[in-house]
N, C-alpha and C. Protein backbone atom coordinates (compact mmCIF):
# COMPACT_ATOMS: atom_id res chain seq x y z
N MET A 1 38.68 -29.07 66.56
CA MET A 1 37.60 -29.12 67.63
C MET A 1 38.77 -29.39 69.24
N ILE A 2 38.35 -28.59 69.87
CA ILE A 2 38.91 -28.63 71.58
C ILE A 2 38.45 -30.29 72.03
N MET A 3 39.60 -30.84 72.36
CA MET A 3 39.02 -32.03 73.04
C MET A 3 39.17 -31.90 74.65
N ARG A 4 38.57 -32.60 75.17
CA ARG A 4 38.13 -32.94 76.69
C ARG A 4 39.52 -33.55 77.22
N PRO A 5 40.07 -33.02 78.43
CA PRO A 5 41.32 -33.80 79.11
C PRO A 5 40.76 -34.94 79.10
N GLY A 6 42.00 -35.85 78.48
CA GLY A 6 42.46 -37.27 78.83
C GLY A 6 42.01 -38.17 77.70
N GLN A 7 41.22 -37.30 76.74
CA GLN A 7 40.54 -38.25 75.56
C GLN A 7 41.76 -38.28 74.62
N GLN A 8 41.48 -39.54 74.14
CA GLN A 8 42.87 -39.97 72.91
C GLN A 8 42.61 -39.46 71.88
N LEU A 9 43.69 -39.03 71.01
CA LEU A 9 43.76 -38.91 69.79
C LEU A 9 43.51 -39.85 68.69
N LEU A 10 42.48 -39.86 67.87
CA LEU A 10 41.92 -41.21 67.06
C LEU A 10 42.46 -40.69 65.73
N LEU A 11 42.79 -42.07 65.22
CA LEU A 11 43.07 -41.92 63.59
C LEU A 11 41.79 -41.84 62.85
N PRO A 12 41.98 -41.48 61.63
CA PRO A 12 40.56 -41.24 60.92
C PRO A 12 40.05 -42.53 60.57
N ALA A 13 38.46 -42.58 60.75
CA ALA A 13 37.99 -43.75 60.26
C ALA A 13 37.85 -44.30 59.04
N ASN A 14 38.03 -45.60 58.61
CA ASN A 14 38.28 -46.44 57.52
C ASN A 14 36.83 -46.56 57.02
N PRO A 15 36.35 -45.69 55.99
CA PRO A 15 34.87 -45.72 55.31
C PRO A 15 34.57 -47.62 55.20
N ALA A 16 35.67 -48.49 54.90
CA ALA A 16 35.53 -49.92 54.63
C ALA A 16 35.08 -50.47 55.72
N PHE A 17 35.51 -49.97 56.99
CA PHE A 17 35.23 -50.33 58.46
C PHE A 17 34.14 -50.16 58.78
N ILE A 18 33.44 -48.75 58.40
CA ILE A 18 32.08 -48.51 58.94
C ILE A 18 30.83 -49.27 58.31
N TRP A 19 31.17 -49.15 57.02
CA TRP A 19 30.16 -50.05 56.15
C TRP A 19 30.27 -51.70 56.46
N PHE A 20 31.34 -52.09 56.86
CA PHE A 20 31.22 -53.51 57.36
C PHE A 20 30.69 -53.52 58.38
N SER A 21 30.80 -52.42 59.64
CA SER A 21 30.39 -52.94 60.72
C SER A 21 28.77 -52.56 60.73
N LEU A 22 28.11 -51.90 59.75
CA LEU A 22 27.08 -51.59 59.60
C LEU A 22 26.22 -52.91 58.94
N PHE A 23 26.83 -53.59 58.01
CA PHE A 23 26.28 -54.95 57.64
C PHE A 23 26.67 -55.85 58.54
N VAL A 24 27.65 -55.95 59.52
CA VAL A 24 27.62 -57.31 60.45
C VAL A 24 26.58 -57.04 61.25
N ALA A 25 26.09 -55.57 61.57
CA ALA A 25 24.91 -55.33 62.61
C ALA A 25 23.60 -55.92 61.87
N LEU A 26 23.57 -55.42 60.63
CA LEU A 26 22.34 -55.84 59.97
C LEU A 26 22.15 -57.30 60.17
N LEU A 27 23.27 -57.97 59.60
CA LEU A 27 23.36 -59.49 59.36
C LEU A 27 22.81 -60.14 60.81
N SER A 28 23.27 -59.48 61.82
CA SER A 28 23.15 -60.16 63.30
C SER A 28 21.72 -59.87 63.77
N ASN A 29 20.97 -58.60 63.27
CA ASN A 29 19.56 -58.40 63.54
C ASN A 29 18.95 -59.45 62.90
N MET A 30 19.45 -59.90 61.29
CA MET A 30 18.73 -60.99 61.16
C MET A 30 18.68 -62.35 61.59
N VAL A 31 19.91 -62.36 62.03
CA VAL A 31 20.00 -63.79 62.71
C VAL A 31 19.43 -63.91 64.00
N MET A 32 19.31 -62.92 64.68
CA MET A 32 18.53 -62.66 66.11
C MET A 32 17.09 -62.78 65.73
N ASN A 33 16.52 -62.40 64.65
CA ASN A 33 15.22 -62.37 64.32
C ASN A 33 14.56 -63.78 64.19
N MET A 34 15.51 -64.44 63.36
CA MET A 34 14.97 -65.81 62.81
C MET A 34 15.67 -66.90 63.89
N GLY A 35 16.29 -66.49 64.73
CA GLY A 35 16.91 -67.38 65.91
C GLY A 35 16.08 -67.91 66.79
N LEU A 36 16.65 -68.56 68.08
CA LEU A 36 16.08 -69.00 69.08
C LEU A 36 15.01 -68.39 69.58
N TRP A 37 15.21 -66.89 69.84
CA TRP A 37 13.91 -66.18 70.46
C TRP A 37 13.01 -65.69 69.40
N GLY A 38 13.13 -65.98 68.16
CA GLY A 38 12.09 -65.43 67.30
C GLY A 38 12.18 -64.05 67.15
N ARG A 39 11.29 -63.25 67.03
CA ARG A 39 11.00 -61.90 67.05
C ARG A 39 10.67 -61.28 68.36
N GLY A 40 11.56 -61.66 69.43
CA GLY A 40 11.11 -61.15 70.94
C GLY A 40 11.12 -59.85 70.74
N ALA A 41 10.28 -59.26 71.79
CA ALA A 41 10.01 -57.90 72.01
C ALA A 41 11.53 -57.15 72.67
N TRP A 42 11.95 -57.98 73.61
CA TRP A 42 13.13 -57.68 74.51
C TRP A 42 14.37 -57.80 73.55
N VAL A 43 14.45 -58.17 72.55
CA VAL A 43 15.81 -58.19 71.97
C VAL A 43 16.29 -57.13 71.23
N PRO A 44 17.36 -56.56 71.64
CA PRO A 44 17.85 -55.41 70.93
C PRO A 44 18.25 -55.27 69.70
N ASP A 45 18.07 -54.01 69.25
CA ASP A 45 18.33 -53.80 67.63
C ASP A 45 19.49 -53.43 67.86
N LEU A 46 20.32 -54.15 67.06
CA LEU A 46 21.89 -53.79 67.13
C LEU A 46 22.42 -52.90 65.90
N LEU A 47 21.57 -53.02 65.02
CA LEU A 47 21.47 -52.12 63.73
C LEU A 47 21.62 -50.62 64.47
N ALA A 48 20.36 -50.34 65.35
CA ALA A 48 20.18 -49.28 65.78
C ALA A 48 21.35 -48.55 66.35
N VAL A 49 21.80 -49.70 67.28
CA VAL A 49 23.20 -49.36 68.09
C VAL A 49 24.30 -48.68 67.16
N VAL A 50 24.63 -49.44 65.95
CA VAL A 50 25.66 -48.95 65.25
C VAL A 50 25.31 -48.00 64.69
N LEU A 51 23.92 -47.91 64.14
CA LEU A 51 23.73 -46.55 63.15
C LEU A 51 23.68 -45.44 64.39
N VAL A 52 23.53 -45.29 65.31
CA VAL A 52 23.69 -44.25 65.85
C VAL A 52 24.84 -43.82 66.35
N PHE A 53 26.09 -44.84 66.56
CA PHE A 53 27.28 -44.89 67.17
C PHE A 53 28.03 -44.01 65.75
N TRP A 54 27.71 -44.77 64.52
CA TRP A 54 28.32 -43.91 63.27
C TRP A 54 27.86 -42.66 62.98
N SER A 55 26.56 -42.21 63.28
CA SER A 55 25.97 -41.18 63.23
C SER A 55 26.42 -40.19 64.32
N VAL A 56 26.69 -40.26 65.27
CA VAL A 56 27.33 -39.84 66.45
C VAL A 56 28.91 -39.23 66.00
N HIS A 57 29.79 -40.16 65.68
CA HIS A 57 30.93 -40.14 65.29
C HIS A 57 31.68 -39.86 63.74
N GLN A 58 30.63 -40.39 62.90
CA GLN A 58 30.90 -40.01 61.47
C GLN A 58 29.48 -39.51 61.00
N PRO A 59 29.15 -38.24 61.23
CA PRO A 59 28.04 -37.87 60.77
C PRO A 59 27.93 -37.57 59.15
N LEU A 60 29.00 -37.16 58.40
CA LEU A 60 29.19 -36.95 57.21
C LEU A 60 29.09 -38.24 56.26
N ARG A 61 29.42 -39.30 56.86
CA ARG A 61 29.37 -40.41 56.28
C ARG A 61 28.23 -41.60 56.62
N VAL A 62 27.79 -41.37 57.69
CA VAL A 62 26.57 -42.13 58.01
C VAL A 62 25.42 -41.00 58.55
N SER A 63 24.54 -41.01 57.48
CA SER A 63 23.56 -39.90 58.03
C SER A 63 21.95 -40.62 57.85
N VAL A 64 21.14 -39.45 57.69
CA VAL A 64 19.85 -40.17 57.70
C VAL A 64 19.38 -40.91 56.48
N GLY A 65 19.97 -40.53 55.40
CA GLY A 65 19.46 -41.36 54.35
C GLY A 65 19.81 -43.00 54.19
N VAL A 66 21.19 -43.11 54.72
CA VAL A 66 21.69 -44.39 55.53
C VAL A 66 20.79 -45.15 56.32
N ALA A 67 20.51 -44.18 57.14
CA ALA A 67 19.50 -44.92 58.29
C ALA A 67 18.24 -45.20 57.52
N PHE A 68 17.55 -44.53 56.80
CA PHE A 68 16.50 -44.56 55.88
C PHE A 68 16.77 -46.07 54.90
N LEU A 69 17.96 -46.27 54.28
CA LEU A 69 17.85 -47.21 53.49
C LEU A 69 18.04 -48.51 54.56
N PHE A 70 18.78 -48.77 55.46
CA PHE A 70 18.96 -49.72 56.46
C PHE A 70 17.51 -50.09 57.10
N GLY A 71 16.94 -49.03 57.09
CA GLY A 71 15.37 -49.41 58.11
C GLY A 71 14.47 -49.92 57.10
N LEU A 72 14.63 -49.81 55.60
CA LEU A 72 14.14 -50.39 54.61
C LEU A 72 14.31 -51.89 54.52
N THR A 73 15.42 -52.24 54.54
CA THR A 73 16.24 -53.42 54.49
C THR A 73 15.29 -54.26 55.77
N MET A 74 15.50 -53.71 56.98
CA MET A 74 14.83 -54.39 58.15
C MET A 74 13.16 -54.65 58.06
N ASP A 75 12.37 -53.46 57.39
CA ASP A 75 11.28 -53.81 57.20
C ASP A 75 11.06 -55.03 56.25
N VAL A 76 11.55 -55.16 55.29
CA VAL A 76 11.61 -55.98 54.31
C VAL A 76 12.00 -57.14 54.87
N GLN A 77 12.94 -57.43 55.75
CA GLN A 77 13.49 -58.71 55.99
C GLN A 77 12.45 -59.19 57.28
N GLN A 78 12.15 -58.16 57.99
CA GLN A 78 11.24 -58.93 59.13
C GLN A 78 9.54 -58.70 58.78
N GLY A 79 9.43 -58.19 57.57
CA GLY A 79 8.06 -58.41 57.03
C GLY A 79 7.00 -57.59 57.58
N ALA A 80 7.66 -56.54 58.17
CA ALA A 80 7.01 -55.52 58.94
C ALA A 80 6.21 -54.31 58.04
N LEU A 81 5.62 -53.40 58.15
CA LEU A 81 4.87 -52.50 57.65
C LEU A 81 5.99 -51.67 57.01
N LEU A 82 5.77 -51.62 55.58
CA LEU A 82 7.12 -50.87 54.97
C LEU A 82 7.27 -49.45 55.53
N GLY A 83 8.40 -49.16 56.00
CA GLY A 83 8.65 -47.83 56.20
C GLY A 83 8.57 -47.84 57.97
N GLN A 84 7.98 -48.79 58.48
CA GLN A 84 8.02 -48.79 59.90
C GLN A 84 9.55 -48.85 60.72
N HIS A 85 10.54 -49.35 60.19
CA HIS A 85 11.67 -49.13 60.74
C HIS A 85 12.57 -48.05 60.08
N ALA A 86 12.24 -47.74 59.16
CA ALA A 86 12.61 -46.78 57.74
C ALA A 86 12.49 -45.58 58.89
N LEU A 87 11.41 -45.43 59.07
CA LEU A 87 10.91 -44.12 59.94
C LEU A 87 11.49 -44.12 61.24
N ALA A 88 11.80 -44.88 61.85
CA ALA A 88 12.29 -45.05 63.34
C ALA A 88 13.83 -44.75 63.18
N TYR A 89 14.49 -45.22 62.37
CA TYR A 89 15.69 -45.33 61.97
C TYR A 89 15.96 -43.82 61.57
N THR A 90 15.38 -43.20 60.67
CA THR A 90 15.52 -42.16 60.18
C THR A 90 15.39 -41.13 61.23
N VAL A 91 14.31 -40.90 62.22
CA VAL A 91 14.48 -40.23 63.12
C VAL A 91 15.56 -40.19 64.34
N LEU A 92 15.92 -41.65 64.78
CA LEU A 92 16.89 -41.84 65.23
C LEU A 92 18.25 -41.57 64.97
N GLY A 93 18.40 -41.57 63.35
CA GLY A 93 19.61 -40.76 62.89
C GLY A 93 19.81 -39.36 62.93
N TYR A 94 18.77 -39.00 62.60
CA TYR A 94 18.48 -37.41 62.84
C TYR A 94 18.74 -36.80 64.21
N ALA A 95 18.02 -37.67 64.96
CA ALA A 95 18.53 -37.16 66.53
C ALA A 95 20.38 -37.25 66.95
N ALA A 96 20.49 -38.36 66.28
CA ALA A 96 21.86 -38.54 66.86
C ALA A 96 22.92 -37.35 66.03
N VAL A 97 22.66 -37.32 64.77
CA VAL A 97 23.51 -36.00 64.20
C VAL A 97 23.25 -34.86 65.01
N PHE A 98 21.88 -34.94 65.48
CA PHE A 98 21.63 -33.38 66.02
C PHE A 98 22.57 -33.03 67.02
N MET A 99 22.84 -34.12 67.77
CA MET A 99 23.25 -34.04 69.38
C MET A 99 24.71 -34.70 69.40
N HIS A 100 25.13 -34.73 68.11
CA HIS A 100 26.78 -35.43 67.99
C HIS A 100 27.54 -34.50 68.59
N ARG A 101 27.51 -33.24 68.35
CA ARG A 101 28.70 -32.53 68.98
C ARG A 101 28.65 -32.29 70.36
N ARG A 102 27.46 -32.25 71.03
CA ARG A 102 27.22 -32.10 72.64
C ARG A 102 27.65 -33.79 73.11
N LEU A 103 27.39 -34.67 72.68
CA LEU A 103 27.54 -35.92 73.09
C LEU A 103 29.17 -36.46 73.20
N LEU A 104 29.79 -35.88 72.27
CA LEU A 104 31.25 -36.23 72.16
C LEU A 104 31.75 -35.52 73.40
N TRP A 105 31.55 -35.00 74.01
CA TRP A 105 32.15 -34.07 75.20
C TRP A 105 32.19 -34.77 76.41
N PHE A 106 31.12 -35.95 76.43
CA PHE A 106 31.02 -36.58 77.79
C PHE A 106 31.79 -38.04 77.39
N GLY A 107 31.61 -38.86 78.82
CA GLY A 107 32.66 -39.99 78.30
C GLY A 107 31.39 -41.08 78.27
N VAL A 108 31.92 -42.06 77.89
CA VAL A 108 31.10 -43.08 77.46
C VAL A 108 29.87 -43.52 78.07
N PRO A 109 30.14 -43.99 79.57
CA PRO A 109 29.22 -44.28 80.25
C PRO A 109 27.77 -42.99 80.19
N THR A 110 28.25 -41.99 80.12
CA THR A 110 27.07 -40.68 80.23
C THR A 110 26.49 -40.54 78.57
N GLN A 111 27.38 -41.03 77.96
CA GLN A 111 26.81 -40.97 76.63
C GLN A 111 25.85 -42.21 76.55
N ALA A 112 25.95 -43.28 77.10
CA ALA A 112 24.95 -44.48 77.21
C ALA A 112 23.56 -43.77 77.65
N VAL A 113 23.87 -43.15 78.82
CA VAL A 113 22.53 -42.31 79.59
C VAL A 113 21.87 -41.56 78.52
N GLN A 114 22.72 -40.52 77.80
CA GLN A 114 22.06 -39.53 77.25
C GLN A 114 21.40 -40.18 75.64
N VAL A 115 22.01 -41.43 75.33
CA VAL A 115 21.51 -42.05 74.16
C VAL A 115 20.17 -43.23 74.33
N LEU A 116 19.92 -43.49 75.61
CA LEU A 116 18.58 -44.14 76.03
C LEU A 116 17.32 -43.35 75.77
N PRO A 117 17.18 -42.11 75.76
CA PRO A 117 15.91 -41.59 75.28
C PRO A 117 15.86 -41.75 73.67
N LEU A 118 16.97 -41.57 73.07
CA LEU A 118 16.84 -41.94 71.42
C LEU A 118 16.19 -43.21 71.20
N PHE A 119 16.81 -44.34 71.77
CA PHE A 119 16.17 -45.48 71.60
C PHE A 119 15.13 -45.80 72.21
N PHE A 120 14.45 -45.32 73.20
CA PHE A 120 13.13 -45.16 73.79
C PHE A 120 12.19 -44.45 72.62
N ALA A 121 12.55 -43.54 72.08
CA ALA A 121 11.52 -42.82 71.24
C ALA A 121 11.56 -43.78 69.80
N ALA A 122 12.72 -44.28 69.40
CA ALA A 122 12.75 -45.12 68.31
C ALA A 122 11.62 -46.35 68.39
N HIS A 123 12.19 -46.89 69.38
CA HIS A 123 11.15 -48.04 69.54
C HIS A 123 9.44 -47.85 69.95
N LEU A 124 9.24 -46.63 70.50
CA LEU A 124 8.04 -46.07 70.71
C LEU A 124 7.24 -45.43 69.27
N LEU A 125 7.92 -45.01 68.60
CA LEU A 125 7.74 -44.87 67.07
C LEU A 125 7.37 -46.15 66.32
N GLU A 126 8.41 -46.98 66.50
CA GLU A 126 7.79 -48.38 65.68
C GLU A 126 6.67 -49.30 66.38
N LEU A 127 6.46 -49.13 67.60
CA LEU A 127 5.26 -49.40 68.61
C LEU A 127 4.00 -48.72 67.80
N LEU A 128 3.97 -47.70 67.86
CA LEU A 128 2.97 -46.77 67.26
C LEU A 128 2.48 -46.94 65.88
N VAL A 129 3.53 -46.84 65.17
CA VAL A 129 3.13 -47.24 63.62
C VAL A 129 2.81 -48.44 63.57
N GLY A 130 3.21 -50.01 64.16
CA GLY A 130 2.66 -51.09 64.29
C GLY A 130 1.24 -51.05 64.70
N MET A 131 0.86 -50.38 65.77
CA MET A 131 -0.50 -50.25 66.50
C MET A 131 -1.18 -49.52 65.51
N ILE A 132 -0.87 -48.50 64.87
CA ILE A 132 -1.77 -47.89 64.19
C ILE A 132 -2.02 -48.58 62.86
N ALA A 133 -1.22 -49.30 62.57
CA ALA A 133 -1.45 -50.49 61.28
C ALA A 133 -2.26 -51.65 61.62
N GLY A 134 -2.81 -51.77 63.12
CA GLY A 134 -3.48 -53.18 63.21
C GLY A 134 -2.76 -53.86 64.14
N GLY A 135 -1.52 -53.75 64.25
CA GLY A 135 -0.37 -54.77 65.23
C GLY A 135 -1.19 -54.81 66.68
N SER A 136 -0.60 -55.56 67.34
CA SER A 136 -0.76 -55.82 68.93
C SER A 136 0.43 -55.27 69.41
N PHE A 137 -0.23 -54.98 70.89
CA PHE A 137 0.97 -54.57 71.97
C PHE A 137 2.10 -55.67 72.11
N PRO A 138 3.22 -55.81 71.95
CA PRO A 138 4.19 -56.86 72.47
C PRO A 138 4.22 -57.31 73.73
N GLY A 139 3.64 -56.29 74.75
CA GLY A 139 3.89 -56.48 75.79
C GLY A 139 4.76 -55.69 76.80
N TRP A 140 4.72 -55.79 78.03
CA TRP A 140 5.83 -54.93 78.48
C TRP A 140 7.42 -55.04 78.66
N SER A 141 7.66 -56.12 78.19
CA SER A 141 9.22 -56.58 78.01
C SER A 141 9.58 -55.76 76.59
N TYR A 142 8.80 -55.23 76.01
CA TYR A 142 9.09 -54.41 74.87
C TYR A 142 10.17 -53.16 75.55
N LEU A 143 10.07 -52.68 76.82
CA LEU A 143 10.64 -51.40 77.26
C LEU A 143 12.03 -52.13 77.45
N LEU A 144 12.32 -53.64 77.58
CA LEU A 144 13.68 -53.95 78.19
C LEU A 144 14.63 -53.64 76.63
N ALA A 145 14.17 -53.67 75.51
CA ALA A 145 15.19 -53.81 74.45
C ALA A 145 15.72 -52.12 74.53
N PRO A 146 15.16 -50.72 74.77
CA PRO A 146 16.14 -49.75 74.48
C PRO A 146 17.05 -49.80 75.80
N MET A 147 16.42 -50.20 76.89
CA MET A 147 17.60 -50.41 78.16
C MET A 147 19.09 -51.41 77.70
N ILE A 148 18.58 -52.49 77.00
CA ILE A 148 19.76 -53.18 76.86
C ILE A 148 20.35 -52.65 75.48
N GLU A 149 19.79 -51.73 74.64
CA GLU A 149 20.71 -51.13 73.85
C GLU A 149 21.57 -49.96 74.23
N ALA A 150 21.15 -48.94 75.31
CA ALA A 150 21.90 -48.39 75.77
C ALA A 150 23.12 -48.79 76.71
N ALA A 151 22.76 -50.11 77.19
CA ALA A 151 23.93 -50.91 78.02
C ALA A 151 24.91 -51.34 77.23
N LEU A 152 24.45 -51.73 75.74
CA LEU A 152 25.43 -51.99 74.62
C LEU A 152 26.46 -50.87 74.21
N TRP A 153 25.95 -49.52 74.44
CA TRP A 153 26.96 -48.42 74.10
C TRP A 153 28.32 -48.53 74.29
N PRO A 154 28.80 -48.77 75.77
CA PRO A 154 29.91 -48.82 75.84
C PRO A 154 30.85 -50.03 75.23
N VAL A 155 29.94 -50.98 75.08
CA VAL A 155 30.63 -52.22 74.30
C VAL A 155 30.60 -51.65 72.91
N ALA A 156 29.92 -51.03 72.25
CA ALA A 156 30.05 -50.67 70.76
C ALA A 156 31.23 -49.49 70.82
N SER A 157 31.13 -48.86 71.49
CA SER A 157 32.26 -47.89 71.87
C SER A 157 33.54 -48.24 71.46
N VAL A 158 33.85 -49.32 72.48
CA VAL A 158 35.18 -50.14 72.41
C VAL A 158 35.56 -50.52 71.22
N MET A 159 34.58 -51.32 70.60
CA MET A 159 34.62 -52.23 69.66
C MET A 159 34.81 -51.36 68.21
N LEU A 160 34.32 -50.51 68.21
CA LEU A 160 34.06 -49.72 66.81
C LEU A 160 35.11 -48.87 66.90
N LEU A 161 35.64 -48.42 67.78
CA LEU A 161 36.76 -47.34 67.79
C LEU A 161 38.35 -47.81 68.09
N ALA A 162 38.01 -49.04 68.12
CA ALA A 162 39.59 -50.10 68.28
C ALA A 162 40.23 -49.78 67.27
N PRO A 163 39.84 -49.83 65.92
CA PRO A 163 40.92 -49.67 64.63
C PRO A 163 41.25 -48.12 64.71
N GLN A 164 40.94 -47.33 65.28
CA GLN A 164 41.21 -45.94 65.16
C GLN A 164 42.21 -45.41 66.24
N ARG A 165 42.21 -46.34 67.10
CA ARG A 165 43.09 -45.88 68.25
C ARG A 165 44.54 -46.16 67.71
N ARG A 166 45.26 -44.97 68.29
CA ARG A 166 46.49 -45.05 67.94
C ARG A 166 47.69 -46.16 68.92
N ALA A 167 48.72 -46.66 68.57
CA ALA A 167 49.37 -47.35 69.53
C ALA A 167 50.28 -46.69 70.22
N PRO A 168 50.41 -47.39 71.56
CA PRO A 168 51.05 -46.25 72.47
C PRO A 168 52.67 -46.08 72.07
N ASP A 169 52.94 -45.32 71.80
CA ASP A 169 54.22 -45.20 71.55
C ASP A 169 54.92 -44.05 72.05
N PRO A 170 55.28 -43.94 73.33
CA PRO A 170 55.68 -42.63 73.96
C PRO A 170 57.17 -42.17 73.32
N ASP A 171 57.19 -41.01 73.36
CA ASP A 171 58.26 -40.48 72.79
C ASP A 171 58.33 -39.08 73.40
N ASP A 172 59.43 -38.77 73.92
CA ASP A 172 59.70 -37.09 74.80
C ASP A 172 59.76 -36.51 73.94
N ASN A 173 60.04 -36.37 72.40
CA ASN A 173 60.24 -35.05 71.57
C ASN A 173 58.38 -34.90 70.93
N ARG A 174 57.50 -35.85 70.92
CA ARG A 174 56.52 -35.92 70.61
C ARG A 174 55.05 -35.85 71.50
N PRO A 175 54.23 -34.86 71.51
CA PRO A 175 53.31 -34.72 72.54
C PRO A 175 52.42 -35.29 72.20
N LEU A 176 51.98 -35.61 70.75
CA LEU A 176 50.89 -36.76 70.46
C LEU A 176 51.31 -38.19 70.10
């Protein structure tokens, strides 16, 4: 793959770190849903951010099937309609894998702008499935969650790519 100018060459991703970050995001979602805010409509879905991140950066390891399984886990944990999160995460994972080659050509702030519609679509899909099943509209604060998730994209990029970054070891004989 041709790299854009100024992009740092990364080490291969450790599969154990990928799965660890996914489980930490799952646990943090569970804690946030049980915590002080309850199931606030504006609370960001950290698992969705991490799933999209790894679907973009490691599409062969974290794909639509992984997103579906984590979605089912979130459905069970939240007591939601079985398949509500699974459908949203599956669509989110598919869209992330679909656009991963194009997305990696841009800088992190531009990537955040480009994943914002993905997060909006996932939340809209969850909302529609919930309302078709007889749920109520959670209010306009529901639109804050995708924006917070897109704002967390640069933070996720720095944190999740940190173990892959090479230590700066300048050498006149090695260009990499």
